[in-house]
Amino acid sequence: MIRREIVLPAPREDVWEALTEPERLADWFANDVDLDLWPGGDASFRWSNGEERHATVTEVEPERRLAFEWDDEGEVEFTLDDDADGTRLTVVESSPQWSTALDLQASAFQARALSCV
């Protein structure tokens, strides 16, 4: 299990939108996203290199928690908490082979969040 935390200089509402709105996800994660934002909802992520991953949403607590289970392996959970410097985003990922990509995407997310402030 991999656990990462990052503090983003943005309000929780903005970070939540970046995690859940397909057009915002395209800014930092996948090029094309379909996300049914309710427990049991489908999630599809497609990248420009042809890679595609599918998941099922397992938890949704607006502006607080989002979790899903990858169809091919593992789970990921995003938790948002207020921080004196913005929003603390905690990501818990149970798929070790995905952690390097997650690190890269977290860096992109942080850069994108900084450019929006």
PDB file of N, CA and C in Angstrom:
ATOM      1  N   MET A   1       0.855  -1.173   0.000  1.00  0.00           N
ATOM      2  CA  MET A   1       0.000   0.000   0.000  1.00  0.00           C
ATOM      3  C   MET A   1       0.903   1.239   0.000  1.00  0.00           C
ATOM      4  N   ILE A   2       0.577   2.181  -0.845  1.00  0.00           N
ATOM      5  CA  ILE A   2       1.313   3.435  -0.974  1.00  0.00           C
ATOM      6  C   ILE A   2       0.424   4.569  -0.463  1.00  0.00           C
ATOM      7  N   ARG A   3       0.979   5.404   0.391  1.00  0.00           N
ATOM      8  CA  ARG A   3       0.243   6.568   0.909  1.00  0.00           C
ATOM      9  C   ARG A   3       1.056   7.813   0.594  1.00  0.00           C
ATOM     10  N   ARG A   4       0.419   8.785  -0.026  1.00  0.00           N
ATOM     11  CA  ARG A   4       1.065  10.049  -0.378  1.00  0.00           C
ATOM     12  C   ARG A   4       0.200  11.207   0.119  1.00  0.00           C
ATOM     13  N   GLU A   5       0.863  12.254   0.565  1.00  0.00           N
ATOM     14  CA  GLU A   5       0.162  13.477   0.956  1.00  0.00           C
ATOM     15  C   GLU A   5       0.805  14.654   0.250  1.00  0.00           C
ATOM     16  N   ILE A   6      -0.031  15.589  -0.139  1.00  0.00           N
ATOM     17  CA  ILE A   6       0.449  16.808  -0.761  1.00  0.00           C
ATOM     18  C   ILE A   6      -0.480  17.939  -0.321  1.00  0.00           C
ATOM     19  N   VAL A   7       0.091  19.103  -0.031  1.00  0.00           N
ATOM     20  CA  VAL A   7      -0.716  20.263   0.313  1.00  0.00           C
ATOM     21  C   VAL A   7      -0.764  21.161  -0.911  1.00  0.00           C
ATOM     22  N   LEU A   8      -1.971  21.430  -1.364  1.00  0.00           N
ATOM     23  CA  LEU A   8      -2.180  22.264  -2.547  1.00  0.00           C
ATOM     24  C   LEU A   8      -2.696  23.630  -2.106  1.00  0.00           C
ATOM     25  N   PRO A   9      -2.165  24.699  -2.680  1.00  0.00           N
ATOM     26  CA  PRO A   9      -2.579  26.044  -2.293  1.00  0.00           C
ATOM     27  C   PRO A   9      -3.889  26.436  -2.979  1.00  0.00           C
ATOM     28  N   ALA A  10      -4.927  25.647  -2.701  1.00  0.00           N
ATOM     29  CA  ALA A  10      -6.233  25.869  -3.311  1.00  0.00           C
ATOM     30  C   ALA A  10      -7.305  25.416  -2.328  1.00  0.00           C
ATOM     31  N   PRO A  11      -8.504  26.010  -2.404  1.00  0.00           N
ATOM     32  CA  PRO A  11      -9.584  25.569  -1.513  1.00  0.00           C
ATOM     33  C   PRO A  11     -10.034  24.142  -1.865  1.00  0.00           C
ATOM     34  N   ARG A  12     -10.610  23.471  -0.890  1.00  0.00           N
ATOM     35  CA  ARG A  12     -11.039  22.089  -1.062  1.00  0.00           C
ATOM     36  C   ARG A  12     -11.996  21.936  -2.255  1.00  0.00           C
ATOM     37  N   GLU A  13     -12.868  22.892  -2.464  1.00  0.00           N
ATOM     38  CA  GLU A  13     -13.811  22.841  -3.588  1.00  0.00           C
ATOM     39  C   GLU A  13     -13.075  22.740  -4.923  1.00  0.00           C
ATOM     40  N   ASP A  14     -12.008  23.518  -5.098  1.00  0.00           N
ATOM     41  CA  ASP A  14     -11.243  23.490  -6.345  1.00  0.00           C
ATOM     42  C   ASP A  14     -10.515  22.159  -6.535  1.00  0.00           C
ATOM     43  N   VAL A  15      -9.967  21.628  -5.449  1.00  0.00           N
ATOM     44  CA  VAL A  15      -9.267  20.348  -5.538  1.00  0.00           C
ATOM     45  C   VAL A  15     -10.264  19.243  -5.870  1.00  0.00           C
ATOM     46  N   TRP A  16     -11.436  19.276  -5.251  1.00  0.00           N
ATOM     47  CA  TRP A  16     -12.481  18.285  -5.540  1.00  0.00           C
ATOM     48  C   TRP A  16     -12.859  18.325  -7.025  1.00  0.00           C
ATOM     49  N   GLU A  17     -13.039  19.516  -7.552  1.00  0.00           N
ATOM     50  CA  GLU A  17     -13.377  19.639  -8.977  1.00  0.00           C
ATOM     51  C   GLU A  17     -12.274  19.065  -9.855  1.00  0.00           C
ATOM     52  N   ALA A  18     -11.018  19.288  -9.478  1.00  0.00           N
ATOM     53  CA  ALA A  18      -9.898  18.748 -10.260  1.00  0.00           C
ATOM     54  C   ALA A  18      -9.861  17.219 -10.212  1.00  0.00           C
ATOM     55  N   LEU A  19     -10.401  16.634  -9.150  1.00  0.00           N
ATOM     56  CA  LEU A  19     -10.446  15.171  -9.020  1.00  0.00           C
ATOM     57  C   LEU A  19     -11.662  14.538  -9.679  1.00  0.00           C
ATOM     58  N   THR A  20     -12.722  15.314  -9.883  1.00  0.00           N
ATOM     59  CA  THR A  20     -13.987  14.703 -10.293  1.00  0.00           C
ATOM     60  C   THR A  20     -14.569  15.203 -11.610  1.00  0.00           C
ATOM     61  N   GLU A  21     -14.149  16.331 -12.099  1.00  0.00           N
ATOM     62  CA  GLU A  21     -14.701  16.848 -13.345  1.00  0.00           C
ATOM     63  C   GLU A  21     -13.829  16.387 -14.518  1.00  0.00           C
ATOM     64  N   PRO A  22     -14.423  15.672 -15.476  1.00  0.00           N
ATOM     65  CA  PRO A  22     -13.626  15.115 -16.585  1.00  0.00           C
ATOM     66  C   PRO A  22     -12.731  16.127 -17.285  1.00  0.00           C
ATOM     67  N   GLU A  23     -13.217  17.339 -17.530  1.00  0.00           N
ATOM     68  CA  GLU A  23     -12.380  18.319 -18.232  1.00  0.00           C
ATOM     69  C   GLU A  23     -11.206  18.769 -17.365  1.00  0.00           C
ATOM     70  N   ARG A  24     -11.384  18.801 -16.051  1.00  0.00           N
ATOM     71  CA  ARG A  24     -10.277  19.142 -15.143  1.00  0.00           C
ATOM     72  C   ARG A  24      -9.302  17.978 -15.011  1.00  0.00           C
ATOM     73  N   LEU A  25      -9.812  16.746 -14.994  1.00  0.00           N
ATOM     74  CA  LEU A  25      -8.943  15.563 -14.950  1.00  0.00           C
ATOM     75  C   LEU A  25      -8.053  15.505 -16.186  1.00  0.00           C
ATOM     76  N   ALA A  26      -8.580  15.972 -17.314  1.00  0.00           N
ATOM     77  CA  ALA A  26      -7.788  15.981 -18.550  1.00  0.00           C
ATOM     78  C   ALA A  26      -6.595  16.932 -18.445  1.00  0.00           C
ATOM     79  N   ASP A  27      -6.669  17.919 -17.554  1.00  0.00           N
ATOM     80  CA  ASP A  27      -5.567  18.860 -17.355  1.00  0.00           C
ATOM     81  C   ASP A  27      -4.354  18.214 -16.698  1.00  0.00           C
ATOM     82  N   TRP A  28      -4.575  17.173 -15.885  1.00  0.00           N
ATOM     83  CA  TRP A  28      -3.455  16.649 -15.110  1.00  0.00           C
ATOM     84  C   TRP A  28      -3.355  15.131 -15.050  1.00  0.00           C
ATOM     85  N   PHE A  29      -4.404  14.392 -15.437  1.00  0.00           N
ATOM     86  CA  PHE A  29      -4.350  12.950 -15.246  1.00  0.00           C
ATOM     87  C   PHE A  29      -4.472  12.184 -16.554  1.00  0.00           C
ATOM     88  N   ALA A  30      -5.655  12.056 -17.065  1.00  0.00           N
ATOM     89  CA  ALA A  30      -5.879  11.298 -18.298  1.00  0.00           C
ATOM     90  C   ALA A  30      -6.460  12.231 -19.350  1.00  0.00           C
ATOM     91  N   ASN A  31      -6.225  11.901 -20.617  1.00  0.00           N
ATOM     92  CA  ASN A  31      -6.683  12.763 -21.701  1.00  0.00           C
ATOM     93  C   ASN A  31      -8.190  12.736 -21.898  1.00  0.00           C
ATOM     94  N   ASP A  32      -8.801  11.600 -21.606  1.00  0.00           N
ATOM     95  CA  ASP A  32     -10.237  11.441 -21.802  1.00  0.00           C
ATOM     96  C   ASP A  32     -10.791  10.661 -20.617  1.00  0.00           C
ATOM     97  N   VAL A  33     -11.795  11.222 -19.944  1.00  0.00           N
ATOM     98  CA  VAL A  33     -12.318  10.610 -18.729  1.00  0.00           C
ATOM     99  C   VAL A  33     -13.839  10.549 -18.784  1.00  0.00           C
ATOM    100  N   ASP A  34     -14.371   9.400 -18.399  1.00  0.00           N
ATOM    101  CA  ASP A  34     -15.804   9.239 -18.144  1.00  0.00           C
ATOM    102  C   ASP A  34     -15.911   8.825 -16.691  1.00  0.00           C
ATOM    103  N   LEU A  35     -16.706   9.556 -15.894  1.00  0.00           N
ATOM    104  CA  LEU A  35     -16.784   9.285 -14.473  1.00  0.00           C
ATOM    105  C   LEU A  35     -18.217   9.446 -13.995  1.00  0.00           C
ATOM    106  N   ASP A  36     -18.815   8.332 -13.565  1.00  0.00           N
ATOM    107  CA  ASP A  36     -20.150   8.362 -12.960  1.00  0.00           C
ATOM    108  C   ASP A  36     -19.940   8.485 -11.457  1.00  0.00           C
ATOM    109  N   LEU A  37     -20.161   9.666 -10.932  1.00  0.00           N
ATOM    110  CA  LEU A  37     -19.763  10.023  -9.575  1.00  0.00           C
ATOM    111  C   LEU A  37     -20.809   9.599  -8.536  1.00  0.00           C
ATOM    112  N   TRP A  38     -20.928   8.291  -8.351  1.00  0.00           N
ATOM    113  CA  TRP A  38     -21.789   7.719  -7.317  1.00  0.00           C
ATOM    114  C   TRP A  38     -21.264   6.309  -7.024  1.00  0.00           C
ATOM    115  N   PRO A  39     -21.461   5.796  -5.811  1.00  0.00           N
ATOM    116  CA  PRO A  39     -20.994   4.439  -5.503  1.00  0.00           C
ATOM    117  C   PRO A  39     -21.607   3.428  -6.478  1.00  0.00           C
ATOM    118  N   GLY A  40     -20.749   2.644  -7.099  1.00  0.00           N
ATOM    119  CA  GLY A  40     -21.174   1.706  -8.129  1.00  0.00           C
ATOM    120  C   GLY A  40     -21.037   2.263  -9.532  1.00  0.00           C
ATOM    121  N   GLY A  41     -20.712   3.549  -9.634  1.00  0.00           N
ATOM    122  CA  GLY A  41     -20.562   4.191 -10.936  1.00  0.00           C
ATOM    123  C   GLY A  41     -19.307   3.728 -11.669  1.00  0.00           C
ATOM    124  N   ASP A  42     -19.350   3.824 -12.984  1.00  0.00           N
ATOM    125  CA  ASP A  42     -18.214   3.443 -13.825  1.00  0.00           C
ATOM    126  C   ASP A  42     -17.254   4.611 -13.995  1.00  0.00           C
ATOM    127  N   ALA A  43     -15.975   4.274 -14.128  1.00  0.00           N
ATOM    128  CA  ALA A  43     -14.939   5.264 -14.402  1.00  0.00           C
ATOM    129  C   ALA A  43     -14.027   4.701 -15.490  1.00  0.00           C
ATOM    130  N   SER A  44     -13.776   5.503 -16.523  1.00  0.00           N
ATOM    131  CA  SER A  44     -12.856   5.112 -17.594  1.00  0.00           C
ATOM    132  C   SER A  44     -11.859   6.238 -17.798  1.00  0.00           C
ATOM    133  N   PHE A  45     -10.594   5.851 -17.899  1.00  0.00           N
ATOM    134  CA  PHE A  45      -9.503   6.802 -18.080  1.00  0.00           C
ATOM    135  C   PHE A  45      -8.713   6.379 -19.307  1.00  0.00           C
ATOM    136  N   ARG A  46      -8.540   7.299 -20.262  1.00  0.00           N
ATOM    137  CA  ARG A  46      -7.797   7.004 -21.488  1.00  0.00           C
ATOM    138  C   ARG A  46      -6.708   8.050 -21.669  1.00  0.00           C
ATOM    139  N   TRP A  47      -5.529   7.559 -22.078  1.00  0.00           N
ATOM    140  CA  TRP A  47      -4.378   8.429 -22.283  1.00  0.00           C
ATOM    141  C   TRP A  47      -4.023   8.479 -23.759  1.00  0.00           C
ATOM    142  N   SER A  48      -3.279   9.502 -24.147  1.00  0.00           N
ATOM    143  CA  SER A  48      -2.927   9.697 -25.555  1.00  0.00           C
ATOM    144  C   SER A  48      -2.038   8.589 -26.099  1.00  0.00           C
ATOM    145  N   ASN A  49      -1.367   7.832 -25.221  1.00  0.00           N
ATOM    146  CA  ASN A  49      -0.521   6.728 -25.679  1.00  0.00           C
ATOM    147  C   ASN A  49      -1.314   5.452 -25.943  1.00  0.00           C
ATOM    148  N   GLY A  50      -2.644   5.522 -25.808  1.00  0.00           N
ATOM    149  CA  GLY A  50      -3.503   4.371 -26.071  1.00  0.00           C
ATOM    150  C   GLY A  50      -3.862   3.571 -24.835  1.00  0.00           C
ATOM    151  N   GLU A  51      -3.207   3.852 -23.704  1.00  0.00           N
ATOM    152  CA  GLU A  51      -3.528   3.125 -22.468  1.00  0.00           C
ATOM    153  C   GLU A  51      -4.930   3.497 -22.010  1.00  0.00           C
ATOM    154  N   GLU A  52      -5.619   2.521 -21.457  1.00  0.00           N
ATOM    155  CA  GLU A  52      -6.968   2.736 -20.946  1.00  0.00           C
ATOM    156  C   GLU A  52      -7.138   1.905 -19.684  1.00  0.00           C
ATOM    157  N   ARG A  53      -7.731   2.511 -18.654  1.00  0.00           N
ATOM    158  CA  ARG A  53      -8.015   1.785 -17.411  1.00  0.00           C
ATOM    159  C   ARG A  53      -9.454   2.052 -17.023  1.00  0.00           C
ATOM    160  N   HIS A  54     -10.042   1.052 -16.410  1.00  0.00           N
ATOM    161  CA  HIS A  54     -11.434   1.148 -15.973  1.00  0.00           C
ATOM    162  C   HIS A  54     -11.506   0.879 -14.477  1.00  0.00           C
ATOM    163  N   ALA A  55     -12.496   1.493 -13.843  1.00  0.00           N
ATOM    164  CA  ALA A  55     -12.665   1.341 -12.407  1.00  0.00           C
ATOM    165  C   ALA A  55     -14.145   1.440 -12.059  1.00  0.00           C
ATOM    166  N   THR A  56     -14.444   1.074 -10.825  1.00  0.00           N
ATOM    167  CA  THR A  56     -15.782   1.246 -10.266  1.00  0.00           C
ATOM    168  C   THR A  56     -15.653   2.149  -9.051  1.00  0.00           C
ATOM    169  N   VAL A  57     -16.463   3.194  -9.010  1.00  0.00           N
ATOM    170  CA  VAL A  57     -16.464   4.121  -7.874  1.00  0.00           C
ATOM    171  C   VAL A  57     -17.027   3.374  -6.662  1.00  0.00           C
ATOM    172  N   THR A  58     -16.324   3.460  -5.534  1.00  0.00           N
ATOM    173  CA  THR A  58     -16.784   2.778  -4.325  1.00  0.00           C
ATOM    174  C   THR A  58     -17.243   3.737  -3.235  1.00  0.00           C
ATOM    175  N   GLU A  59     -16.714   4.957  -3.217  1.00  0.00           N
ATOM    176  CA  GLU A  59     -17.110   5.946  -2.208  1.00  0.00           C
ATOM    177  C   GLU A  59     -17.118   7.338  -2.812  1.00  0.00           C
ATOM    178  N   VAL A  60     -18.113   8.118  -2.443  1.00  0.00           N
ATOM    179  CA  VAL A  60     -18.162   9.529  -2.818  1.00  0.00           C
ATOM    180  C   VAL A  60     -18.706  10.307  -1.632  1.00  0.00           C
ATOM    181  N   GLU A  61     -17.902  11.202  -1.123  1.00  0.00           N
ATOM    182  CA  GLU A  61     -18.322  12.148  -0.103  1.00  0.00           C
ATOM    183  C   GLU A  61     -17.858  13.507  -0.604  1.00  0.00           C
ATOM    184  N   PRO A  62     -18.748  14.274  -1.257  1.00  0.00           N
ATOM    185  CA  PRO A  62     -18.340  15.501  -1.940  1.00  0.00           C
ATOM    186  C   PRO A  62     -17.409  16.388  -1.109  1.00  0.00           C
ATOM    187  N   GLU A  63     -16.344  16.822  -1.803  1.00  0.00           N
ATOM    188  CA  GLU A  63     -15.315  17.695  -1.244  1.00  0.00           C
ATOM    189  C   GLU A  63     -14.586  17.075  -0.055  1.00  0.00           C
ATOM    190  N   ARG A  64     -14.701  15.745   0.119  1.00  0.00           N
ATOM    191  CA  ARG A  64     -14.050  15.088   1.251  1.00  0.00           C
ATOM    192  C   ARG A  64     -13.353  13.782   0.864  1.00  0.00           C
ATOM    193  N   ARG A  65     -14.047  12.878   0.151  1.00  0.00           N
ATOM    194  CA  ARG A  65     -13.468  11.565  -0.140  1.00  0.00           C
ATOM    195  C   ARG A  65     -14.012  11.010  -1.464  1.00  0.00           C
ATOM    196  N   LEU A  66     -13.088  10.412  -2.219  1.00  0.00           N
ATOM    197  CA  LEU A  66     -13.421   9.709  -3.456  1.00  0.00           C
ATOM    198  C   LEU A  66     -12.586   8.438  -3.479  1.00  0.00           C
ATOM    199  N   ALA A  67     -13.226   7.309  -3.746  1.00  0.00           N
ATOM    200  CA  ALA A  67     -12.492   6.048  -3.831  1.00  0.00           C
ATOM    201  C   ALA A  67     -13.039   5.236  -4.989  1.00  0.00           C
ATOM    202  N   PHE A  68     -12.137   4.491  -5.617  1.00  0.00           N
ATOM    203  CA  PHE A  68     -12.571   3.552  -6.642  1.00  0.00           C
ATOM    204  C   PHE A  68     -11.647   2.354  -6.696  1.00  0.00           C
ATOM    205  N   GLU A  69     -12.177   1.298  -7.295  1.00  0.00           N
ATOM    206  CA  GLU A  69     -11.442   0.053  -7.442  1.00  0.00           C
ATOM    207  C   GLU A  69     -11.156  -0.161  -8.921  1.00  0.00           C
ATOM    208  N   TRP A  70      -9.870  -0.328  -9.244  1.00  0.00           N
ATOM    209  CA  TRP A  70      -9.478  -0.594 -10.631  1.00  0.00           C
ATOM    210  C   TRP A  70      -9.986  -1.967 -11.049  1.00  0.00           C
ATOM    211  N   ASP A  71     -10.442  -2.087 -12.281  1.00  0.00           N
ATOM    212  CA  ASP A  71     -10.894  -3.392 -12.786  1.00  0.00           C
ATOM    213  C   ASP A  71      -9.745  -4.384 -12.887  1.00  0.00           C
ATOM    214  N   ASP A  72      -8.531  -3.889 -13.205  1.00  0.00           N
ATOM    215  CA  ASP A  72      -7.404  -4.806 -13.402  1.00  0.00           C
ATOM    216  C   ASP A  72      -6.651  -5.121 -12.115  1.00  0.00           C
ATOM    217  N   GLU A  73      -6.678  -4.247 -11.126  1.00  0.00           N
ATOM    218  CA  GLU A  73      -6.041  -4.541  -9.844  1.00  0.00           C
ATOM    219  C   GLU A  73      -5.949  -3.293  -9.002  1.00  0.00           C
ATOM    220  N   GLY A  74      -6.258  -3.435  -7.729  1.00  0.00           N
ATOM    221  CA  GLY A  74      -6.015  -2.379  -6.765  1.00  0.00           C
ATOM    222  C   GLY A  74      -7.145  -1.396  -6.572  1.00  0.00           C
ATOM    223  N   GLU A  75      -6.946  -0.571  -5.565  1.00  0.00           N
ATOM    224  CA  GLU A  75      -7.896   0.465  -5.211  1.00  0.00           C
ATOM    225  C   GLU A  75      -7.142   1.770  -5.003  1.00  0.00           C
ATOM    226  N   VAL A  76      -7.855   2.866  -5.114  1.00  0.00           N
ATOM    227  CA  VAL A  76      -7.275   4.177  -4.821  1.00  0.00           C
ATOM    228  C   VAL A  76      -8.310   4.988  -4.061  1.00  0.00           C
ATOM    229  N   GLU A  77      -7.823   5.741  -3.075  1.00  0.00           N
ATOM    230  CA  GLU A  77      -8.702   6.587  -2.273  1.00  0.00           C
ATOM    231  C   GLU A  77      -8.076   7.967  -2.149  1.00  0.00           C
ATOM    232  N   PHE A  78      -8.862   8.993  -2.428  1.00  0.00           N
ATOM    233  CA  PHE A  78      -8.447  10.383  -2.292  1.00  0.00           C
ATOM    234  C   PHE A  78      -9.211  10.977  -1.116  1.00  0.00           C
ATOM    235  N   THR A  79      -8.498  11.597  -0.180  1.00  0.00           N
ATOM    236  CA  THR A  79      -9.136  12.266   0.942  1.00  0.00           C
ATOM    237  C   THR A  79      -8.651  13.708   0.975  1.00  0.00           C
ATOM    238  N   LEU A  80      -9.580  14.631   1.135  1.00  0.00           N
ATOM    239  CA  LEU A  80      -9.264  16.055   1.177  1.00  0.00           C
ATOM    240  C   LEU A  80      -9.540  16.598   2.567  1.00  0.00           C
ATOM    241  N   ASP A  81      -8.581  17.344   3.107  1.00  0.00           N
ATOM    242  CA  ASP A  81      -8.726  17.982   4.408  1.00  0.00           C
ATOM    243  C   ASP A  81      -8.240  19.414   4.303  1.00  0.00           C
ATOM    244  N   ASP A  82      -8.851  20.289   5.094  1.00  0.00           N
ATOM    245  CA  ASP A  82      -8.391  21.669   5.144  1.00  0.00           C
ATOM    246  C   ASP A  82      -6.995  21.714   5.758  1.00  0.00           C
ATOM    247  N   ASP A  83      -6.190  22.637   5.285  1.00  0.00           N
ATOM    248  CA  ASP A  83      -4.835  22.851   5.780  1.00  0.00           C
ATOM    249  C   ASP A  83      -4.612  24.357   5.820  1.00  0.00           C
ATOM    250  N   ALA A  84      -3.774  24.804   6.708  1.00  0.00           N
ATOM    251  CA  ALA A  84      -3.497  26.240   6.812  1.00  0.00           C
ATOM    252  C   ALA A  84      -3.016  26.822   5.489  1.00  0.00           C
ATOM    253  N   ASP A  85      -2.380  25.988   4.642  1.00  0.00           N
ATOM    254  CA  ASP A  85      -1.859  26.453   3.355  1.00  0.00           C
ATOM    255  C   ASP A  85      -2.752  26.095   2.173  1.00  0.00           C
ATOM    256  N   GLY A  86      -3.952  25.598   2.433  1.00  0.00           N
ATOM    257  CA  GLY A  86      -4.865  25.234   1.346  1.00  0.00           C
ATOM    258  C   GLY A  86      -5.601  23.949   1.649  1.00  0.00           C
ATOM    259  N   THR A  87      -5.330  22.921   0.846  1.00  0.00           N
ATOM    260  CA  THR A  87      -5.998  21.627   1.002  1.00  0.00           C
ATOM    261  C   THR A  87      -4.956  20.518   1.036  1.00  0.00           C
ATOM    262  N   ARG A  88      -5.073  19.653   2.027  1.00  0.00           N
ATOM    263  CA  ARG A  88      -4.201  18.475   2.108  1.00  0.00           C
ATOM    264  C   ARG A  88      -4.904  17.337   1.373  1.00  0.00           C
ATOM    265  N   LEU A  89      -4.255  16.862   0.323  1.00  0.00           N
ATOM    266  CA  LEU A  89      -4.763  15.744  -0.457  1.00  0.00           C
ATOM    267  C   LEU A  89      -3.967  14.500  -0.060  1.00  0.00           C
ATOM    268  N   THR A  90      -4.655  13.494   0.445  1.00  0.00           N
ATOM    269  CA  THR A  90      -4.031  12.219   0.795  1.00  0.00           C
ATOM    270  C   THR A  90      -4.515  11.182  -0.200  1.00  0.00           C
ATOM    271  N   VAL A  91      -3.571  10.466  -0.791  1.00  0.00           N
ATOM    272  CA  VAL A  91      -3.885   9.419  -1.759  1.00  0.00           C
ATOM    273  C   VAL A  91      -3.348   8.107  -1.216  1.00  0.00           C
ATOM    274  N   VAL A  92      -4.225   7.122  -1.113  1.00  0.00           N
ATOM    275  CA  VAL A  92      -3.825   5.781  -0.702  1.00  0.00           C
ATOM    276  C   VAL A  92      -4.102   4.864  -1.881  1.00  0.00           C
ATOM    277  N   GLU A  93      -3.042   4.212  -2.338  1.00  0.00           N
ATOM    278  CA  GLU A  93      -3.103   3.373  -3.549  1.00  0.00           C
ATOM    279  C   GLU A  93      -2.635   1.980  -3.180  1.00  0.00           C
ATOM    280  N   SER A  94      -3.427   0.961  -3.518  1.00  0.00           N
ATOM    281  CA  SER A  94      -3.038  -0.402  -3.171  1.00  0.00           C
ATOM    282  C   SER A  94      -2.404  -1.151  -4.335  1.00  0.00           C
ATOM    283  N   SER A  95      -2.111  -0.445  -5.408  1.00  0.00           N
ATOM    284  CA  SER A  95      -1.514  -1.082  -6.582  1.00  0.00           C
ATOM    285  C   SER A  95      -0.100  -0.546  -6.775  1.00  0.00           C
ATOM    286  N   PRO A  96       0.934  -1.274  -6.294  1.00  0.00           N
ATOM    287  CA  PRO A  96       2.309  -0.753  -6.344  1.00  0.00           C
ATOM    288  C   PRO A  96       2.799  -0.395  -7.738  1.00  0.00           C
ATOM    289  N   GLN A  97       2.398  -1.124  -8.770  1.00  0.00           N
ATOM    290  CA  GLN A  97       2.887  -0.812 -10.108  1.00  0.00           C
ATOM    291  C   GLN A  97       2.336   0.519 -10.607  1.00  0.00           C
ATOM    292  N   TRP A  98       1.348   1.044  -9.955  1.00  0.00           N
ATOM    293  CA  TRP A  98       0.742   2.311 -10.371  1.00  0.00           C
ATOM    294  C   TRP A  98       1.363   3.486  -9.636  1.00  0.00           C
ATOM    295  N   SER A  99       2.182   3.256  -8.608  1.00  0.00           N
ATOM    296  CA  SER A  99       2.669   4.340  -7.764  1.00  0.00           C
ATOM    297  C   SER A  99       3.582   5.317  -8.492  1.00  0.00           C
ATOM    298  N   THR A 100       4.418   4.857  -9.418  1.00  0.00           N
ATOM    299  CA  THR A 100       5.284   5.771 -10.164  1.00  0.00           C
ATOM    300  C   THR A 100       4.453   6.718 -11.005  1.00  0.00           C
ATOM    301  N   ALA A 101       3.465   6.184 -11.682  1.00  0.00           N
ATOM    302  CA  ALA A 101       2.574   7.034 -12.477  1.00  0.00           C
ATOM    303  C   ALA A 101       1.832   8.007 -11.571  1.00  0.00           C
ATOM    304  N   LEU A 102       1.423   7.539 -10.404  1.00  0.00           N
ATOM    305  CA  LEU A 102       0.727   8.402  -9.465  1.00  0.00           C
ATOM    306  C   LEU A 102       1.623   9.555  -9.021  1.00  0.00           C
ATOM    307  N   ASP A 103       2.897   9.278  -8.752  1.00  0.00           N
ATOM    308  CA  ASP A 103       3.838  10.340  -8.382  1.00  0.00           C
ATOM    309  C   ASP A 103       3.938  11.389  -9.485  1.00  0.00           C
ATOM    310  N   LEU A 104       4.059  10.932 -10.712  1.00  0.00           N
ATOM    311  CA  LEU A 104       4.157  11.858 -11.839  1.00  0.00           C
ATOM    312  C   LEU A 104       2.890  12.682 -11.980  1.00  0.00           C
ATOM    313  N   GLN A 105       1.737  12.034 -11.833  1.00  0.00           N
ATOM    314  CA  GLN A 105       0.474  12.749 -11.966  1.00  0.00           C
ATOM    315  C   GLN A 105       0.282  13.730 -10.810  1.00  0.00           C
ATOM    316  N   ALA A 106       0.734  13.366  -9.598  1.00  0.00           N
ATOM    317  CA  ALA A 106       0.619  14.280  -8.459  1.00  0.00           C
ATOM    318  C   ALA A 106       1.436  15.540  -8.711  1.00  0.00           C
ATOM    319  N   SER A 107       2.615  15.380  -9.305  1.00  0.00           N
ATOM    320  CA  SER A 107       3.443  16.546  -9.636  1.00  0.00           C
ATOM    321  C   SER A 107       2.737  17.432 -10.646  1.00  0.00           C
ATOM    322  N   ALA A 108       2.125  16.808 -11.643  1.00  0.00           N
ATOM    323  CA  ALA A 108       1.387  17.574 -12.653  1.00  0.00           C
ATOM    324  C   ALA A 108       0.189  18.275 -12.018  1.00  0.00           C
ATOM    325  N   PHE A 109      -0.491  17.566 -11.107  1.00  0.00           N
ATOM    326  CA  PHE A 109      -1.658  18.138 -10.414  1.00  0.00           C
ATOM    327  C   PHE A 109      -1.228  19.366  -9.619  1.00  0.00           C
ATOM    328  N   GLN A 110      -0.123  19.252  -8.896  1.00  0.00           N
ATOM    329  CA  GLN A 110       0.356  20.369  -8.099  1.00  0.00           C
ATOM    330  C   GLN A 110       0.733  21.557  -8.985  1.00  0.00           C
ATOM    331  N   ALA A 111       1.413  21.299 -10.080  1.00  0.00           N
ATOM    332  CA  ALA A 111       1.793  22.378 -10.998  1.00  0.00           C
ATOM    333  C   ALA A 111       0.552  23.043 -11.564  1.00  0.00           C
ATOM    334  N   ARG A 112      -0.442  22.247 -11.928  1.00  0.00           N
ATOM    335  CA  ARG A 112      -1.688  22.782 -12.475  1.00  0.00           C
ATOM    336  C   ARG A 112      -2.435  23.611 -11.430  1.00  0.00           C
ATOM    337  N   ALA A 113      -2.472  23.109 -10.196  1.00  0.00           N
ATOM    338  CA  ALA A 113      -3.159  23.833  -9.125  1.00  0.00           C
ATOM    339  C   ALA A 113      -2.479  25.166  -8.860  1.00  0.00           C
ATOM    340  N   LEU A 114      -1.160  25.180  -8.883  1.00  0.00           N
ATOM    341  CA  LEU A 114      -0.430  26.420  -8.662  1.00  0.00           C
ATOM    342  C   LEU A 114      -0.693  27.442  -9.757  1.00  0.00           C
ATOM    343  N   SER A 115      -0.865  26.966 -10.985  1.00  0.00           N
ATOM    344  CA  SER A 115      -1.099  27.891 -12.090  1.00  0.00           C
ATOM    345  C   SER A 115      -2.512  28.474 -12.060  1.00  0.00           C
ATOM    346  N   CYS A 116      -3.410  27.843 -11.315  1.00  0.00           N
ATOM    347  CA  CYS A 116      -4.802  28.306 -11.232  1.00  0.00           C
ATOM    348  C   CYS A 116      -5.011  29.284 -10.086  1.00  0.00           C
ATOM    349  N   VAL A 117      -4.007  29.446  -9.237  1.00  0.00           N
ATOM    350  CA  VAL A 117      -4.154  30.318  -8.049  1.00  0.00           C
ATOM    351  C   VAL A 117      -3.906  31.746  -8.423  1.00  0.00           C
TER     352      VAL A 117
END
